[in-house]
Protein backbone atom coordinates (compact mmCIF):
# COMPACT_ATOMS: atom_id res chain seq x y z
CA MET A 1 49.71 -12.37 -14.95
CA GLU A 2 48.13 -9.60 -17.05
CA MET A 3 44.83 -11.55 -17.15
CA LYS A 4 44.67 -11.73 -13.32
CA LYS A 5 45.03 -7.94 -13.07
CA TRP A 6 42.12 -7.47 -15.45
CA LEU A 7 39.97 -9.94 -13.51
CA VAL A 8 40.74 -8.22 -10.21
CA LEU A 9 40.01 -4.82 -11.75
CA MET A 10 36.71 -6.06 -13.20
CA LEU A 11 35.75 -7.56 -9.83
CA VAL A 12 36.47 -4.25 -8.08
CA PHE A 13 34.31 -2.33 -10.59
CA LEU A 14 31.54 -4.91 -10.26
CA CYS A 15 31.58 -4.57 -6.45
CA LEU A 16 31.49 -0.78 -6.74
CA GLY A 17 28.53 -0.99 -9.10
CA VAL A 18 26.57 -3.29 -6.77
CA TRP A 19 27.37 -1.05 -3.79
CA GLN A 20 26.17 2.06 -5.68
CA ALA A 21 22.97 0.31 -6.82
CA ALA A 22 22.21 -0.75 -3.24
CA SER A 23 22.85 2.79 -2.02
CA VAL A 24 20.49 4.31 -4.61
CA TYR A 25 17.81 1.73 -3.73
CA GLN A 26 18.05 2.54 -0.01
CA ASP A 27 17.85 6.28 -0.71
CA ALA A 28 14.74 5.74 -2.83
CA LEU A 29 13.01 3.77 -0.04
CA GLN A 30 13.88 6.23 2.72
CA PRO A 31 10.98 8.70 2.22
CA LYS A 32 8.39 5.90 2.22
CA GLN A 33 9.87 4.35 5.37
CA SER A 34 9.92 7.66 7.20
CA LEU A 35 6.32 8.38 6.04
CA ALA A 36 5.15 5.09 7.57
CA GLU A 37 7.19 5.65 10.73
CA LYS A 38 5.74 9.14 11.25
CA ALA A 39 2.22 7.86 10.54
CA LEU A 40 2.65 5.06 13.08
CA GLU A 41 3.67 7.57 15.75
CA ARG A 42 0.50 9.56 15.02
CA ALA A 43 -1.64 6.40 14.99
CA LYS A 44 -0.37 5.51 18.47
CA GLU A 45 -2.10 8.68 19.73
CA LYS A 46 -5.45 7.00 18.91
CA ILE A 47 -4.85 3.28 19.44
CA ALA A 48 -2.26 1.07 21.11
CA PHE A 49 -1.44 -1.65 18.61
CA THR A 50 0.22 -4.76 20.00
CA ARG A 51 0.61 -6.17 16.48
CA ILE A 52 0.41 -4.67 12.98
CA ASP A 53 -0.59 -7.12 10.26
CA ARG A 54 -0.63 -4.89 7.16
CA THR A 55 0.44 -1.40 6.17
CA TYR A 56 -0.75 0.37 3.01
CA THR A 57 0.29 3.69 1.52
CA TYR A 58 -2.54 5.24 -0.49
CA TYR A 59 -1.96 8.13 -2.89
CA GLY A 60 -5.32 9.74 -3.69
CA ASP A 61 -6.50 13.31 -3.24
CA ARG A 62 -4.38 13.07 -0.05
CA THR A 63 -1.73 10.57 0.97
CA TYR A 64 -2.74 8.16 3.72
CA THR A 65 -0.88 5.44 5.54
CA VAL A 66 -3.28 2.71 6.63
CA PHE A 67 -2.52 0.20 9.37
CA ILE A 68 -4.41 -3.01 10.13
CA GLY A 69 -3.58 -4.52 13.48
CA GLU A 70 -4.68 -5.73 16.88
CA ASN A 71 -4.86 -4.07 20.27
CA LYS A 72 -4.04 -5.74 23.60
CA HIS A 73 -7.56 -7.23 23.78
CA GLY A 74 -7.10 -9.04 20.45
CA LYS A 75 -9.57 -6.76 18.64
CA LYS A 76 -8.66 -5.97 15.03
CA TYR A 77 -8.61 -2.27 14.06
CA ILE A 78 -7.86 -0.25 10.94
CA VAL A 79 -6.35 3.23 11.22
CA TRP A 80 -6.17 5.75 8.35
CA VAL A 81 -3.48 8.39 8.99
CA PRO A 82 -3.23 11.38 6.62
CA GLU A 83 0.30 12.41 5.64
CA LYS A 84 -0.21 16.02 6.68
CA ASN A 85 -2.31 17.27 9.54
CA GLY A 86 -5.83 15.97 9.48
CA LYS A 87 -8.27 13.67 11.18
CA ILE A 88 -7.01 10.18 11.96
CA VAL A 89 -9.81 7.67 11.36
CA VAL A 90 -10.04 4.51 13.48
CA LYS A 91 -12.51 1.71 12.71
CA ARG A 92 -13.02 -1.86 13.87
CA ALA A 93 -12.03 -4.18 11.04
CA GLU A 94 -15.37 -5.97 11.29
CA SER A 95 -17.23 -2.70 10.64
CA GLY A 96 -16.46 -2.97 6.92
CA ILE A 97 -15.87 -5.42 4.12
CA THR A 98 -12.75 -7.56 4.00
CA GLU A 99 -10.15 -7.64 1.24
CA LYS A 100 -11.56 -11.02 0.10
CA GLU A 101 -15.08 -9.60 -0.07
CA ALA A 102 -13.86 -6.58 -2.08
CA ILE A 103 -11.99 -8.84 -4.53
CA ALA A 104 -15.03 -11.15 -4.87
CA LYS A 105 -17.20 -8.13 -5.73
CA LEU A 106 -14.66 -6.94 -8.34
CA LYS A 107 -14.53 -10.42 -9.91
CA ALA A 108 -18.33 -10.70 -10.02
CA GLU A 109 -18.86 -7.24 -11.52
CA ARG A 110 -15.81 -6.61 -13.74
CA HIS A 111 -14.31 -10.05 -14.50
CA PRO A 112 -10.67 -8.91 -14.38
CA LYS A 113 -8.02 -10.76 -16.38
CA LYS A 114 -5.48 -10.21 -13.62
CA LEU A 115 -5.68 -8.69 -10.15
CA ILE A 116 -2.66 -6.51 -9.40
CA SER A 117 -3.39 -5.20 -5.90
CA ALA A 118 -6.02 -4.47 -3.28
CA LYS A 119 -5.41 -1.81 -0.67
CA LEU A 120 -7.24 0.43 1.71
CA GLY A 121 -7.34 4.18 1.22
CA MET A 122 -9.45 7.25 1.84
CA GLU A 123 -11.05 9.81 -0.50
CA LYS A 124 -12.96 12.86 0.76
CA GLY A 125 -13.35 11.30 4.19
CA VAL A 126 -14.67 7.97 2.83
CA PRO A 127 -12.68 4.84 3.74
CA LEU A 128 -12.39 2.65 0.63
CA TRP A 129 -10.83 -0.33 -1.07
CA GLU A 130 -8.77 0.44 -4.18
CA LEU A 131 -8.54 -2.59 -6.45
CA THR A 132 -6.03 -2.41 -9.30
CA TYR A 133 -6.37 -4.89 -12.15
CA ILE A 134 -6.02 -5.62 -15.87
CA ASP A 135 -9.46 -5.61 -17.50
CA GLN A 136 -10.83 -7.66 -20.42
CA HIS A 137 -9.48 -5.04 -22.89
CA ASN A 138 -5.93 -5.25 -21.43
CA ARG A 139 -6.29 -1.86 -19.75
CA TYR A 140 -4.77 -0.97 -16.40
CA SER A 141 -7.85 -0.30 -14.28
CA PHE A 142 -8.87 0.93 -10.83
CA TYR A 143 -12.07 0.00 -9.02
CA TYR A 144 -13.15 1.70 -5.79
CA LEU A 145 -15.54 0.26 -3.22
CA SER A 146 -16.72 1.73 0.06
CA PHE A 147 -15.01 0.01 2.99
CA THR A 148 -18.16 0.39 5.08
CA ASP A 149 -20.63 -1.54 2.91
CA GLY A 150 -18.90 -2.43 -0.37
CA THR A 151 -20.92 -0.02 -2.50
CA PHE A 152 -19.37 0.99 -5.82
CA LEU A 153 -17.73 4.43 -5.73
CA LYS A 154 -15.90 4.85 -9.05
CA ARG A 155 -13.68 3.18 -11.61
CA TYR A 156 -11.34 4.21 -14.39
CA SER A 157 -8.95 2.62 -16.86
CA PHE A 158 -5.80 3.49 -18.82
CA GLN A 159 -4.55 2.06 -22.11
CA GLN A 160 -1.36 0.06 -21.66
């Protein structure tokens, strides 16, 4: 009988622990969700999306939320929305290089060991692709290409 009490007590503590962990996780996600929700409301001032395919949050000199989606005519657009007040930039997706093209350029020029991520962002009014990867020297690296024409903008690396 004593063993059953201990098992029930352990189960209760385990459930409490899982509940607390889930609560902390939700609280940690809340600011990012509300940032994207606010940005989407601002983006709707410029373009009426009928579908959103991708959303990126870019932390550079300013924070931007970037949406890729389609309007009611089936045209694909990209919208860069700054976190604070500022100019919302809208471009046709076909007016710049694709994620695949940006990754191909990184692979041809830098030969990464491992690609970590590719996302759209904006620095000093220039729409860009930020490619994060592990380089040949096992460094965590960033490579920036212009969204418009794929020209190299900058790169930097950190020791792991």
